[in-house]
């Protein structure tokens, strides 16, 4: 009986860990984008709005009863040109309220707000305001968050006339110029 209970608990634990990152097991690439997401926690002090690029915020991660708190997936707005700390893009229509969990796109196509005009087929990174801008690649430990798929303002249902959106294929790439 103990073995059965142990096995059941082990399966529940593994299932919980496996669901933390959403990697599609079956896809329909003809009709739907294939997007990987990561569940994260926003402890930044304010809501992170969809379309913004976020950065990992391990310094803020704080769980008094957790010895692994410095490894918890906290995020914040990519507000200081975070370089290699860029984590992903908050999916359109899925704001992450402060003190709440949400998802970010870590691989695949995602709408992003435009900071500086992006160019198709070029690398893109987050700027100091959390918006997509061309990757300059000039400093050590910088990170391109992905590639620009569509540079002009996206004119779909998300076009609200107030913000310019671009389409990024998120696929974080690390660069070290040394």
C-alpha atoms as a PDB file:
ATOM      1  CA  UNK A   1       0.000   0.000   0.000  1.00  0.00           C
ATOM      2  CA  UNK A   2       2.829   2.390   0.842  1.00  0.00           C
ATOM      3  CA  UNK A   3       4.405   1.782  -2.553  1.00  0.00           C
ATOM      4  CA  UNK A   4       1.151   2.677  -4.315  1.00  0.00           C
ATOM      5  CA  UNK A   5       0.770   5.850  -2.237  1.00  0.00           C
ATOM      6  CA  UNK A   6       4.391   6.806  -2.862  1.00  0.00           C
ATOM      7  CA  UNK A   7       3.972   6.212  -6.604  1.00  0.00           C
ATOM      8  CA  UNK A   8       0.780   8.292  -6.710  1.00  0.00           C
ATOM      9  CA  UNK A   9       2.452  11.174  -4.850  1.00  0.00           C
ATOM     10  CA  UNK A  10       5.484  10.979  -7.130  1.00  0.00           C
ATOM     11  CA  UNK A  11       3.258  11.172 -10.226  1.00  0.00           C
ATOM     12  CA  UNK A  12       1.364  14.164  -8.825  1.00  0.00           C
ATOM     13  CA  UNK A  13       4.637  15.946  -8.069  1.00  0.00           C
ATOM     14  CA  UNK A  14       6.024  15.288 -11.551  1.00  0.00           C
ATOM     15  CA  UNK A  15       2.759  16.360 -13.193  1.00  0.00           C
ATOM     16  CA  UNK A  16       2.839  19.652 -11.277  1.00  0.00           C
ATOM     17  CA  UNK A  17       6.410  20.395 -12.289  1.00  0.00           C
ATOM     18  CA  UNK A  18       5.813  19.416 -15.922  1.00  0.00           C
ATOM     19  CA  UNK A  19       2.921  21.872 -16.211  1.00  0.00           C
ATOM     20  CA  UNK A  20       4.921  24.902 -15.071  1.00  0.00           C
ATOM     21  CA  UNK A  21       6.121  25.539 -18.618  1.00  0.00           C
ATOM     22  CA  UNK A  22       3.544  25.093 -21.342  1.00  0.00           C
ATOM     23  CA  UNK A  23       5.084  23.382 -24.344  1.00  0.00           C
ATOM     24  CA  UNK A  24       2.390  22.181 -26.744  1.00  0.00           C
ATOM     25  CA  UNK A  25       2.314  18.406 -27.171  1.00  0.00           C
ATOM     26  CA  UNK A  26       0.081  18.509 -30.236  1.00  0.00           C
ATOM     27  CA  UNK A  27       0.011  21.341 -32.720  1.00  0.00           C
ATOM     28  CA  UNK A  28      -1.922  22.532 -35.742  1.00  0.00           C
ATOM     29  CA  UNK A  29       0.672  24.773 -37.416  1.00  0.00           C
ATOM     30  CA  UNK A  30      -1.582  25.392 -40.416  1.00  0.00           C
ATOM     31  CA  UNK A  31      -4.241  27.114 -38.279  1.00  0.00           C
ATOM     32  CA  UNK A  32      -2.652  28.087 -34.941  1.00  0.00           C
ATOM     33  CA  UNK A  33       0.709  29.448 -33.793  1.00  0.00           C
ATOM     34  CA  UNK A  34       2.953  27.207 -31.726  1.00  0.00           C
ATOM     35  CA  UNK A  35       3.804  29.149 -28.569  1.00  0.00           C
ATOM     36  CA  UNK A  36       5.679  28.104 -25.430  1.00  0.00           C
ATOM     37  CA  UNK A  37       4.749  29.947 -22.248  1.00  0.00           C
ATOM     38  CA  UNK A  38       6.186  30.119 -18.759  1.00  0.00           C
ATOM     39  CA  UNK A  39       4.174  30.708 -15.599  1.00  0.00           C
ATOM     40  CA  UNK A  40       5.667  33.637 -13.659  1.00  0.00           C
ATOM     41  CA  UNK A  41       4.942  35.824 -10.638  1.00  0.00           C
ATOM     42  CA  UNK A  42       4.747  39.628 -10.797  1.00  0.00           C
ATOM     43  CA  UNK A  43       6.126  41.139  -7.599  1.00  0.00           C
ATOM     44  CA  UNK A  44       7.241  44.357  -9.274  1.00  0.00           C
ATOM     45  CA  UNK A  45       4.800  46.703  -7.544  1.00  0.00           C
ATOM     46  CA  UNK A  46       2.575  47.402 -10.548  1.00  0.00           C
ATOM     47  CA  UNK A  47       0.585  45.631 -13.246  1.00  0.00           C
ATOM     48  CA  UNK A  48       2.590  44.554 -16.281  1.00  0.00           C
ATOM     49  CA  UNK A  49       0.467  45.212 -19.354  1.00  0.00           C
ATOM     50  CA  UNK A  50       0.270  42.848 -22.307  1.00  0.00           C
ATOM     51  CA  UNK A  51       2.700  43.452 -25.138  1.00  0.00           C
ATOM     52  CA  UNK A  52       5.526  44.528 -22.844  1.00  0.00           C
ATOM     53  CA  UNK A  53       8.839  42.711 -22.537  1.00  0.00           C
ATOM     54  CA  UNK A  54       9.670  41.477 -19.053  1.00  0.00           C
ATOM     55  CA  UNK A  55      12.922  40.650 -17.299  1.00  0.00           C
ATOM     56  CA  UNK A  56      13.685  38.103 -14.606  1.00  0.00           C
ATOM     57  CA  UNK A  57      13.541  39.647 -11.124  1.00  0.00           C
ATOM     58  CA  UNK A  58      15.308  37.157  -8.864  1.00  0.00           C
ATOM     59  CA  UNK A  59      16.387  39.887  -6.416  1.00  0.00           C
ATOM     60  CA  UNK A  60      12.746  40.561  -5.517  1.00  0.00           C
ATOM     61  CA  UNK A  61      11.872  36.856  -5.205  1.00  0.00           C
ATOM     62  CA  UNK A  62      11.132  36.417  -1.509  1.00  0.00           C
ATOM     63  CA  UNK A  63       9.298  33.574   0.105  1.00  0.00           C
ATOM     64  CA  UNK A  64      10.139  33.430   3.805  1.00  0.00           C
ATOM     65  CA  UNK A  65       9.371  29.717   4.068  1.00  0.00           C
ATOM     66  CA  UNK A  66      11.170  28.666   0.893  1.00  0.00           C
ATOM     67  CA  UNK A  67      14.876  27.932   0.777  1.00  0.00           C
ATOM     68  CA  UNK A  68      14.760  28.262  -3.019  1.00  0.00           C
ATOM     69  CA  UNK A  69      13.194  31.724  -3.070  1.00  0.00           C
ATOM     70  CA  UNK A  70      16.055  33.280  -5.033  1.00  0.00           C
ATOM     71  CA  UNK A  71      15.240  30.881  -7.866  1.00  0.00           C
ATOM     72  CA  UNK A  72      11.517  31.678  -8.084  1.00  0.00           C
ATOM     73  CA  UNK A  73      10.404  32.983 -11.510  1.00  0.00           C
ATOM     74  CA  UNK A  74       9.553  36.572 -10.578  1.00  0.00           C
ATOM     75  CA  UNK A  75       9.386  39.118 -13.400  1.00  0.00           C
ATOM     76  CA  UNK A  76       9.394  42.886 -13.745  1.00  0.00           C
ATOM     77  CA  UNK A  77       8.983  45.314 -16.632  1.00  0.00           C
ATOM     78  CA  UNK A  78      12.136  45.400 -18.748  1.00  0.00           C
ATOM     79  CA  UNK A  79      12.754  48.989 -17.642  1.00  0.00           C
ATOM     80  CA  UNK A  80      16.512  49.421 -17.763  1.00  0.00           C
ATOM     81  CA  UNK A  81      17.538  47.610 -20.967  1.00  0.00           C
ATOM     82  CA  UNK A  82      17.990  44.342 -19.051  1.00  0.00           C
ATOM     83  CA  UNK A  83      20.122  42.521 -21.630  1.00  0.00           C
ATOM     84  CA  UNK A  84      20.516  38.843 -20.764  1.00  0.00           C
ATOM     85  CA  UNK A  85      17.809  39.147 -18.066  1.00  0.00           C
ATOM     86  CA  UNK A  86      15.033  39.538 -20.656  1.00  0.00           C
ATOM     87  CA  UNK A  87      12.552  36.735 -20.047  1.00  0.00           C
ATOM     88  CA  UNK A  88       9.783  37.042 -22.636  1.00  0.00           C
ATOM     89  CA  UNK A  89       6.694  38.985 -23.707  1.00  0.00           C
ATOM     90  CA  UNK A  90       3.396  39.251 -21.844  1.00  0.00           C
ATOM     91  CA  UNK A  91       0.811  37.819 -24.304  1.00  0.00           C
ATOM     92  CA  UNK A  92      -1.742  40.197 -25.801  1.00  0.00           C
ATOM     93  CA  UNK A  93      -4.781  40.637 -23.560  1.00  0.00           C
ATOM     94  CA  UNK A  94      -3.178  38.830 -20.600  1.00  0.00           C
ATOM     95  CA  UNK A  95      -1.971  41.577 -18.226  1.00  0.00           C
ATOM     96  CA  UNK A  96      -0.203  40.332 -15.081  1.00  0.00           C
ATOM     97  CA  UNK A  97      -1.438  42.168 -11.996  1.00  0.00           C
ATOM     98  CA  UNK A  98       1.020  42.972  -9.225  1.00  0.00           C
ATOM     99  CA  UNK A  99       1.105  40.150  -6.701  1.00  0.00           C
ATOM    100  CA  UNK A 100      -0.396  37.671  -9.138  1.00  0.00           C
ATOM    101  CA  UNK A 101       0.779  34.930 -11.473  1.00  0.00           C
ATOM    102  CA  UNK A 102       0.515  35.016 -15.228  1.00  0.00           C
ATOM    103  CA  UNK A 103       2.183  33.715 -18.356  1.00  0.00           C
ATOM    104  CA  UNK A 104       4.873  35.042 -20.657  1.00  0.00           C
ATOM    105  CA  UNK A 105       5.770  33.879 -24.158  1.00  0.00           C
ATOM    106  CA  UNK A 106       9.245  32.344 -24.044  1.00  0.00           C
ATOM    107  CA  UNK A 107       9.278  30.883 -27.563  1.00  0.00           C
ATOM    108  CA  UNK A 108       7.115  31.489 -30.606  1.00  0.00           C
ATOM    109  CA  UNK A 109       5.295  34.439 -32.172  1.00  0.00           C
ATOM    110  CA  UNK A 110       4.035  37.240 -29.917  1.00  0.00           C
ATOM    111  CA  UNK A 111       2.691  40.755 -30.354  1.00  0.00           C
ATOM    112  CA  UNK A 112       4.912  43.395 -28.749  1.00  0.00           C
ATOM    113  CA  UNK A 113       4.622  47.138 -28.332  1.00  0.00           C
ATOM    114  CA  UNK A 114       7.071  49.089 -30.499  1.00  0.00           C
ATOM    115  CA  UNK A 115       9.589  51.344 -28.747  1.00  0.00           C
ATOM    116  CA  UNK A 116      11.785  52.160 -31.724  1.00  0.00           C
ATOM    117  CA  UNK A 117      10.763  51.113 -35.226  1.00  0.00           C
ATOM    118  CA  UNK A 118      11.789  47.542 -35.878  1.00  0.00           C
ATOM    119  CA  UNK A 119      12.844  46.052 -39.213  1.00  0.00           C
ATOM    120  CA  UNK A 120      11.701  42.706 -40.617  1.00  0.00           C
ATOM    121  CA  UNK A 121      14.289  39.910 -40.406  1.00  0.00           C
ATOM    122  CA  UNK A 122      16.392  41.697 -37.786  1.00  0.00           C
ATOM    123  CA  UNK A 123      17.052  40.906 -34.143  1.00  0.00           C
ATOM    124  CA  UNK A 124      14.921  42.652 -31.531  1.00  0.00           C
ATOM    125  CA  UNK A 125      15.493  43.375 -27.845  1.00  0.00           C
ATOM    126  CA  UNK A 126      13.634  45.243 -25.133  1.00  0.00           C
ATOM    127  CA  UNK A 127      14.425  48.903 -24.612  1.00  0.00           C
ATOM    128  CA  UNK A 128      14.437  50.857 -21.358  1.00  0.00           C
ATOM    129  CA  UNK A 129      10.640  51.195 -21.464  1.00  0.00           C
ATOM    130  CA  UNK A 130       9.855  47.504 -21.950  1.00  0.00           C
ATOM    131  CA  UNK A 131       9.036  47.866 -25.645  1.00  0.00           C
ATOM    132  CA  UNK A 132      10.560  46.181 -28.688  1.00  0.00           C
ATOM    133  CA  UNK A 133      13.495  47.921 -30.368  1.00  0.00           C
ATOM    134  CA  UNK A 134      16.307  46.887 -32.708  1.00  0.00           C
ATOM    135  CA  UNK A 135      19.037  44.851 -31.006  1.00  0.00           C
ATOM    136  CA  UNK A 136      22.267  46.863 -31.102  1.00  0.00           C
ATOM    137  CA  UNK A 137      24.597  44.049 -30.015  1.00  0.00           C
ATOM    138  CA  UNK A 138      27.312  46.477 -29.006  1.00  0.00           C
ATOM    139  CA  UNK A 139      27.834  45.624 -25.338  1.00  0.00           C
ATOM    140  CA  UNK A 140      28.861  42.554 -23.376  1.00  0.00           C
ATOM    141  CA  UNK A 141      26.190  40.132 -22.212  1.00  0.00           C
ATOM    142  CA  UNK A 142      23.417  41.631 -24.287  1.00  0.00           C
ATOM    143  CA  UNK A 143      20.531  39.538 -25.422  1.00  0.00           C
ATOM    144  CA  UNK A 144      18.352  39.543 -28.494  1.00  0.00           C
ATOM    145  CA  UNK A 145      14.869  38.465 -27.468  1.00  0.00           C
ATOM    146  CA  UNK A 146      13.916  37.310 -30.954  1.00  0.00           C
ATOM    147  CA  UNK A 147      13.416  38.218 -34.589  1.00  0.00           C
ATOM    148  CA  UNK A 148      11.005  40.749 -36.057  1.00  0.00           C
ATOM    149  CA  UNK A 149       8.392  39.015 -38.240  1.00  0.00           C
ATOM    150  CA  UNK A 150       6.273  42.067 -39.068  1.00  0.00           C
ATOM    151  CA  UNK A 151       7.667  45.531 -38.420  1.00  0.00           C
ATOM    152  CA  UNK A 152       4.804  47.827 -39.307  1.00  0.00           C
ATOM    153  CA  UNK A 153       1.918  48.461 -36.985  1.00  0.00           C
ATOM    154  CA  UNK A 154      -0.163  45.312 -36.834  1.00  0.00           C
ATOM    155  CA  UNK A 155      -3.658  46.062 -38.143  1.00  0.00           C
ATOM    156  CA  UNK A 156      -5.659  43.266 -36.610  1.00  0.00           C
ATOM    157  CA  UNK A 157      -8.168  43.209 -33.799  1.00  0.00           C
ATOM    158  CA  UNK A 158      -5.466  44.344 -31.373  1.00  0.00           C
ATOM    159  CA  UNK A 159      -4.922  47.639 -33.180  1.00  0.00           C
ATOM    160  CA  UNK A 160      -6.453  50.150 -30.778  1.00  0.00           C
ATOM    161  CA  UNK A 161      -5.034  53.183 -32.548  1.00  0.00           C
ATOM    162  CA  UNK A 162      -3.093  54.327 -29.486  1.00  0.00           C
ATOM    163  CA  UNK A 163      -0.105  52.008 -29.607  1.00  0.00           C
ATOM    164  CA  UNK A 164       1.982  50.558 -32.384  1.00  0.00           C
ATOM    165  CA  UNK A 165       2.427  46.799 -32.303  1.00  0.00           C
ATOM    166  CA  UNK A 166       4.941  44.545 -34.000  1.00  0.00           C
ATOM    167  CA  UNK A 167       5.129  40.794 -34.335  1.00  0.00           C
ATOM    168  CA  UNK A 168       8.189  39.135 -32.803  1.00  0.00           C
ATOM    169  CA  UNK A 169       9.252  35.509 -32.980  1.00  0.00           C
ATOM    170  CA  UNK A 170      10.516  35.078 -29.422  1.00  0.00           C
ATOM    171  CA  UNK A 171      13.615  32.906 -29.209  1.00  0.00           C
ATOM    172  CA  UNK A 172      16.105  34.380 -26.708  1.00  0.00           C
ATOM    173  CA  UNK A 173      19.630  34.362 -28.034  1.00  0.00           C
ATOM    174  CA  UNK A 174      22.635  35.129 -25.840  1.00  0.00           C
ATOM    175  CA  UNK A 175      25.648  37.083 -27.038  1.00  0.00           C
ATOM    176  CA  UNK A 176      28.922  37.788 -25.308  1.00  0.00           C
ATOM    177  CA  UNK A 177      31.257  40.024 -27.264  1.00  0.00           C
ATOM    178  CA  UNK A 178      34.334  38.946 -25.241  1.00  0.00           C
END
